[in-house]
Amino acid sequence: TSLIEHKATLDTARQLEEEGVDVTWLAPDSEGLISADAVSAALRDDTFLVSLMLVNNELGTVNDIAEIGRRVRGHGALLHVDAAQGAGKLPIDLSQ
C-alpha cells in the first residue's frame, strides 16, 4: 500500500502490521502518484495483496491502475483498488 491512502486503508494496514503481517509502504513521487514501476520494484515473492487508490481523495491524483493491475496480476498477487473517488467521474473497466 502507499503512505497516502485513505485513513481506513492506512488503519487496516497498521493493524495487520500489529498482527505480524509485513506491510510494504510506498511513497508517492513528486506529483503525488504511485507509479507502476514503484509497485513492480516493491513486489516480493511473498506479496499476496496490493491495495491502492484510483484517485487520491486529497490530492486528486489518478494512479495508472490498469498498468499497476497488469503487473500485480503478472506477479500472481491480488489488487484491491479504492475507487470511491473515481466512481461516476472516471471510466472504470474492471477487466483491466
N, C-alpha and C. Protein backbone atom coordinates (compact mmCIF):
# COMPACT_ATOMS: atom_id res chain seq x y z
N THR A 1 0.85 -1.18 0.00
CA THR A 1 0.00 0.00 0.00
C THR A 1 0.89 1.23 0.00
N SER A 2 0.28 2.40 -0.04
CA SER A 2 1.09 3.62 -0.06
C SER A 2 0.87 4.43 1.21
N LEU A 3 1.77 5.37 1.41
CA LEU A 3 1.71 6.23 2.59
C LEU A 3 0.60 7.26 2.51
N ILE A 4 -0.05 7.40 1.35
CA ILE A 4 -1.08 8.44 1.19
C ILE A 4 -2.45 7.85 0.88
N GLU A 5 -2.71 6.66 1.37
CA GLU A 5 -4.03 6.06 1.19
C GLU A 5 -5.04 6.70 2.13
N HIS A 6 -6.31 6.36 1.92
CA HIS A 6 -7.38 6.82 2.81
C HIS A 6 -7.12 6.26 4.21
N LYS A 7 -7.55 6.98 5.22
CA LYS A 7 -7.33 6.57 6.61
C LYS A 7 -7.81 5.15 6.89
N ALA A 8 -8.91 4.74 6.29
CA ALA A 8 -9.42 3.38 6.53
C ALA A 8 -8.42 2.33 6.07
N THR A 9 -7.79 2.56 4.94
CA THR A 9 -6.78 1.63 4.43
C THR A 9 -5.52 1.68 5.28
N LEU A 10 -5.10 2.89 5.64
CA LEU A 10 -3.91 3.03 6.48
C LEU A 10 -4.10 2.33 7.82
N ASP A 11 -5.26 2.54 8.44
CA ASP A 11 -5.54 1.91 9.74
C ASP A 11 -5.54 0.39 9.62
N THR A 12 -6.12 -0.12 8.54
CA THR A 12 -6.16 -1.58 8.33
C THR A 12 -4.75 -2.13 8.15
N ALA A 13 -3.93 -1.45 7.36
CA ALA A 13 -2.56 -1.91 7.14
C ALA A 13 -1.76 -1.87 8.44
N ARG A 14 -1.96 -0.84 9.23
CA ARG A 14 -1.25 -0.76 10.52
C ARG A 14 -1.70 -1.88 11.46
N GLN A 15 -2.99 -2.18 11.45
CA GLN A 15 -3.49 -3.28 12.28
C GLN A 15 -2.88 -4.61 11.84
N LEU A 16 -2.79 -4.81 10.52
CA LEU A 16 -2.16 -6.03 10.02
C LEU A 16 -0.70 -6.12 10.47
N GLU A 17 0.00 -4.99 10.46
CA GLU A 17 1.38 -4.99 10.95
C GLU A 17 1.44 -5.41 12.42
N GLU A 18 0.51 -4.90 13.22
CA GLU A 18 0.47 -5.27 14.64
C GLU A 18 0.24 -6.76 14.82
N GLU A 19 -0.42 -7.38 13.84
CA GLU A 19 -0.70 -8.81 13.90
C GLU A 19 0.41 -9.64 13.25
N GLY A 20 1.49 -8.98 12.84
CA GLY A 20 2.64 -9.70 12.32
C GLY A 20 2.78 -9.75 10.81
N VAL A 21 1.88 -9.10 10.08
CA VAL A 21 1.98 -9.07 8.62
C VAL A 21 3.01 -8.01 8.23
N ASP A 22 3.89 -8.35 7.29
CA ASP A 22 4.91 -7.42 6.80
C ASP A 22 4.30 -6.58 5.69
N VAL A 23 4.07 -5.31 5.97
CA VAL A 23 3.45 -4.39 5.01
C VAL A 23 4.54 -3.55 4.35
N THR A 24 4.51 -3.45 3.04
CA THR A 24 5.43 -2.58 2.30
C THR A 24 4.72 -1.26 2.06
N TRP A 25 5.36 -0.17 2.46
CA TRP A 25 4.78 1.17 2.33
C TRP A 25 5.47 1.91 1.18
N LEU A 26 4.72 2.29 0.17
CA LEU A 26 5.27 3.02 -0.97
C LEU A 26 5.05 4.52 -0.79
N ALA A 27 6.09 5.29 -1.06
CA ALA A 27 5.98 6.74 -1.03
C ALA A 27 5.57 7.24 -2.41
N PRO A 28 4.76 8.29 -2.46
CA PRO A 28 4.38 8.84 -3.76
C PRO A 28 5.57 9.58 -4.39
N ASP A 29 5.48 9.75 -5.71
CA ASP A 29 6.51 10.54 -6.39
C ASP A 29 6.23 12.03 -6.15
N SER A 30 6.99 12.89 -6.80
CA SER A 30 6.86 14.34 -6.57
C SER A 30 5.51 14.90 -7.02
N GLU A 31 4.78 14.14 -7.84
CA GLU A 31 3.45 14.57 -8.29
C GLU A 31 2.33 13.93 -7.47
N GLY A 32 2.69 13.14 -6.48
CA GLY A 32 1.68 12.50 -5.64
C GLY A 32 1.14 11.20 -6.20
N LEU A 33 1.86 10.61 -7.14
CA LEU A 33 1.42 9.37 -7.77
C LEU A 33 2.22 8.17 -7.26
N ILE A 34 1.58 7.01 -7.33
CA ILE A 34 2.26 5.75 -7.09
C ILE A 34 2.44 5.12 -8.46
N SER A 35 3.67 5.04 -8.93
CA SER A 35 3.91 4.56 -10.29
C SER A 35 3.89 3.04 -10.37
N ALA A 36 3.59 2.54 -11.55
CA ALA A 36 3.62 1.10 -11.79
C ALA A 36 5.04 0.57 -11.56
N ASP A 37 6.05 1.36 -11.92
CA ASP A 37 7.44 0.93 -11.69
C ASP A 37 7.73 0.79 -10.20
N ALA A 38 7.22 1.72 -9.39
CA ALA A 38 7.43 1.64 -7.94
C ALA A 38 6.75 0.40 -7.37
N VAL A 39 5.56 0.11 -7.86
CA VAL A 39 4.85 -1.09 -7.41
C VAL A 39 5.63 -2.33 -7.80
N SER A 40 6.07 -2.39 -9.06
CA SER A 40 6.84 -3.55 -9.53
C SER A 40 8.09 -3.77 -8.69
N ALA A 41 8.79 -2.69 -8.39
CA ALA A 41 10.02 -2.79 -7.61
C ALA A 41 9.76 -3.28 -6.18
N ALA A 42 8.56 -3.01 -5.67
CA ALA A 42 8.23 -3.40 -4.29
C ALA A 42 7.67 -4.81 -4.18
N LEU A 43 7.26 -5.40 -5.29
CA LEU A 43 6.69 -6.75 -5.24
C LEU A 43 7.76 -7.75 -4.80
N ARG A 44 7.39 -8.59 -3.85
CA ARG A 44 8.30 -9.62 -3.34
C ARG A 44 7.70 -10.99 -3.62
N ASP A 45 8.48 -12.01 -3.41
CA ASP A 45 7.98 -13.37 -3.63
C ASP A 45 6.75 -13.66 -2.78
N ASP A 46 6.69 -13.08 -1.57
CA ASP A 46 5.57 -13.36 -0.67
C ASP A 46 4.45 -12.31 -0.73
N THR A 47 4.51 -11.39 -1.69
CA THR A 47 3.44 -10.40 -1.83
C THR A 47 2.18 -11.09 -2.31
N PHE A 48 1.09 -10.91 -1.57
CA PHE A 48 -0.18 -11.53 -1.96
C PHE A 48 -1.27 -10.50 -2.21
N LEU A 49 -1.06 -9.25 -1.77
CA LEU A 49 -2.08 -8.21 -1.94
C LEU A 49 -1.41 -6.86 -2.10
N VAL A 50 -1.93 -6.08 -3.05
CA VAL A 50 -1.54 -4.68 -3.21
C VAL A 50 -2.83 -3.88 -3.09
N SER A 51 -2.82 -2.84 -2.26
CA SER A 51 -4.01 -2.03 -2.04
C SER A 51 -3.67 -0.57 -2.30
N LEU A 52 -4.31 0.02 -3.32
CA LEU A 52 -4.04 1.40 -3.71
C LEU A 52 -5.33 2.11 -4.10
N MET A 53 -5.28 3.43 -4.07
CA MET A 53 -6.40 4.26 -4.53
C MET A 53 -6.33 4.45 -6.04
N LEU A 54 -7.48 4.57 -6.65
CA LEU A 54 -7.53 5.03 -8.03
C LEU A 54 -7.27 6.53 -8.05
N VAL A 55 -8.06 7.28 -7.27
CA VAL A 55 -7.93 8.73 -7.18
C VAL A 55 -7.68 9.10 -5.72
N ASN A 56 -6.65 9.88 -5.47
CA ASN A 56 -6.39 10.30 -4.10
C ASN A 56 -7.43 11.34 -3.68
N ASN A 57 -8.05 11.13 -2.54
CA ASN A 57 -9.14 11.99 -2.10
C ASN A 57 -8.68 13.38 -1.66
N GLU A 58 -7.42 13.58 -1.40
CA GLU A 58 -6.93 14.90 -1.01
C GLU A 58 -6.19 15.62 -2.12
N LEU A 59 -5.42 14.87 -2.91
CA LEU A 59 -4.61 15.47 -3.97
C LEU A 59 -5.31 15.50 -5.32
N GLY A 60 -6.21 14.55 -5.55
CA GLY A 60 -6.87 14.44 -6.85
C GLY A 60 -6.04 13.72 -7.89
N THR A 61 -4.89 13.19 -7.51
CA THR A 61 -4.05 12.46 -8.46
C THR A 61 -4.71 11.14 -8.84
N VAL A 62 -4.49 10.72 -10.08
CA VAL A 62 -5.09 9.49 -10.60
C VAL A 62 -3.97 8.50 -10.93
N ASN A 63 -3.92 7.41 -10.18
CA ASN A 63 -2.90 6.38 -10.42
C ASN A 63 -3.25 5.56 -11.65
N ASP A 64 -2.24 5.05 -12.33
CA ASP A 64 -2.43 4.20 -13.51
C ASP A 64 -2.74 2.78 -13.05
N ILE A 65 -3.97 2.59 -12.58
CA ILE A 65 -4.37 1.32 -12.00
C ILE A 65 -4.39 0.20 -13.05
N ALA A 66 -4.68 0.52 -14.30
CA ALA A 66 -4.68 -0.53 -15.34
C ALA A 66 -3.28 -1.14 -15.47
N GLU A 67 -2.26 -0.31 -15.54
CA GLU A 67 -0.88 -0.82 -15.65
C GLU A 67 -0.43 -1.48 -14.35
N ILE A 68 -0.76 -0.86 -13.24
CA ILE A 68 -0.42 -1.47 -11.95
C ILE A 68 -1.09 -2.84 -11.85
N GLY A 69 -2.34 -2.92 -12.26
CA GLY A 69 -3.07 -4.19 -12.22
C GLY A 69 -2.42 -5.27 -13.06
N ARG A 70 -1.97 -4.90 -14.26
CA ARG A 70 -1.28 -5.88 -15.12
C ARG A 70 -0.05 -6.44 -14.41
N ARG A 71 0.70 -5.57 -13.80
CA ARG A 71 1.94 -6.00 -13.15
C ARG A 71 1.66 -6.84 -11.90
N VAL A 72 0.68 -6.43 -11.13
CA VAL A 72 0.34 -7.17 -9.91
C VAL A 72 -0.19 -8.55 -10.27
N ARG A 73 -1.10 -8.61 -11.24
CA ARG A 73 -1.63 -9.91 -11.67
C ARG A 73 -0.53 -10.78 -12.26
N GLY A 74 0.39 -10.18 -13.02
CA GLY A 74 1.51 -10.93 -13.58
C GLY A 74 2.40 -11.52 -12.50
N HIS A 75 2.40 -10.91 -11.35
CA HIS A 75 3.17 -11.40 -10.21
C HIS A 75 2.42 -12.49 -9.45
N GLY A 76 1.12 -12.59 -9.72
CA GLY A 76 0.31 -13.59 -9.03
C GLY A 76 -0.34 -13.10 -7.75
N ALA A 77 -0.34 -11.79 -7.54
CA ALA A 77 -0.95 -11.21 -6.34
C ALA A 77 -2.32 -10.64 -6.68
N LEU A 78 -3.06 -10.29 -5.64
CA LEU A 78 -4.36 -9.65 -5.79
C LEU A 78 -4.18 -8.14 -5.71
N LEU A 79 -5.08 -7.42 -6.39
CA LEU A 79 -5.08 -5.96 -6.33
C LEU A 79 -6.41 -5.49 -5.77
N HIS A 80 -6.35 -4.73 -4.69
CA HIS A 80 -7.53 -4.07 -4.13
C HIS A 80 -7.42 -2.60 -4.51
N VAL A 81 -8.48 -2.05 -5.10
CA VAL A 81 -8.48 -0.66 -5.52
C VAL A 81 -9.61 0.08 -4.81
N ASP A 82 -9.25 1.14 -4.10
CA ASP A 82 -10.24 2.04 -3.53
C ASP A 82 -10.59 3.02 -4.64
N ALA A 83 -11.73 2.79 -5.28
CA ALA A 83 -12.14 3.61 -6.41
C ALA A 83 -13.25 4.58 -6.05
N ALA A 84 -13.48 4.79 -4.75
CA ALA A 84 -14.60 5.62 -4.31
C ALA A 84 -14.57 7.03 -4.91
N GLN A 85 -13.39 7.63 -5.00
CA GLN A 85 -13.31 9.00 -5.51
C GLN A 85 -13.43 9.08 -7.03
N GLY A 86 -13.24 7.96 -7.71
CA GLY A 86 -13.31 7.97 -9.17
C GLY A 86 -14.63 7.47 -9.72
N ALA A 87 -15.37 6.72 -8.92
CA ALA A 87 -16.63 6.14 -9.40
C ALA A 87 -17.59 7.23 -9.84
N GLY A 88 -18.11 7.08 -11.04
CA GLY A 88 -19.04 8.05 -11.60
C GLY A 88 -18.37 9.26 -12.23
N LYS A 89 -17.06 9.36 -12.07
CA LYS A 89 -16.32 10.50 -12.63
C LYS A 89 -15.32 10.08 -13.70
N LEU A 90 -14.80 8.87 -13.55
CA LEU A 90 -13.82 8.32 -14.49
C LEU A 90 -14.34 6.99 -15.03
N PRO A 91 -13.99 6.65 -16.26
CA PRO A 91 -14.36 5.32 -16.75
C PRO A 91 -13.58 4.26 -15.97
N ILE A 92 -14.28 3.25 -15.51
CA ILE A 92 -13.65 2.17 -14.75
C ILE A 92 -13.97 0.86 -15.45
N ASP A 93 -12.93 0.19 -15.92
CA ASP A 93 -13.08 -1.10 -16.61
C ASP A 93 -12.50 -2.17 -15.70
N LEU A 94 -13.37 -2.93 -15.06
CA LEU A 94 -12.92 -3.94 -14.10
C LEU A 94 -12.14 -5.08 -14.75
N SER A 95 -12.23 -5.22 -16.06
CA SER A 95 -11.47 -6.28 -16.73
C SER A 95 -9.99 -5.92 -16.83
N GLN A 96 -9.65 -4.68 -16.58
CA GLN A 96 -8.25 -4.26 -16.63
C GLN A 96 -7.64 -4.38 -15.27
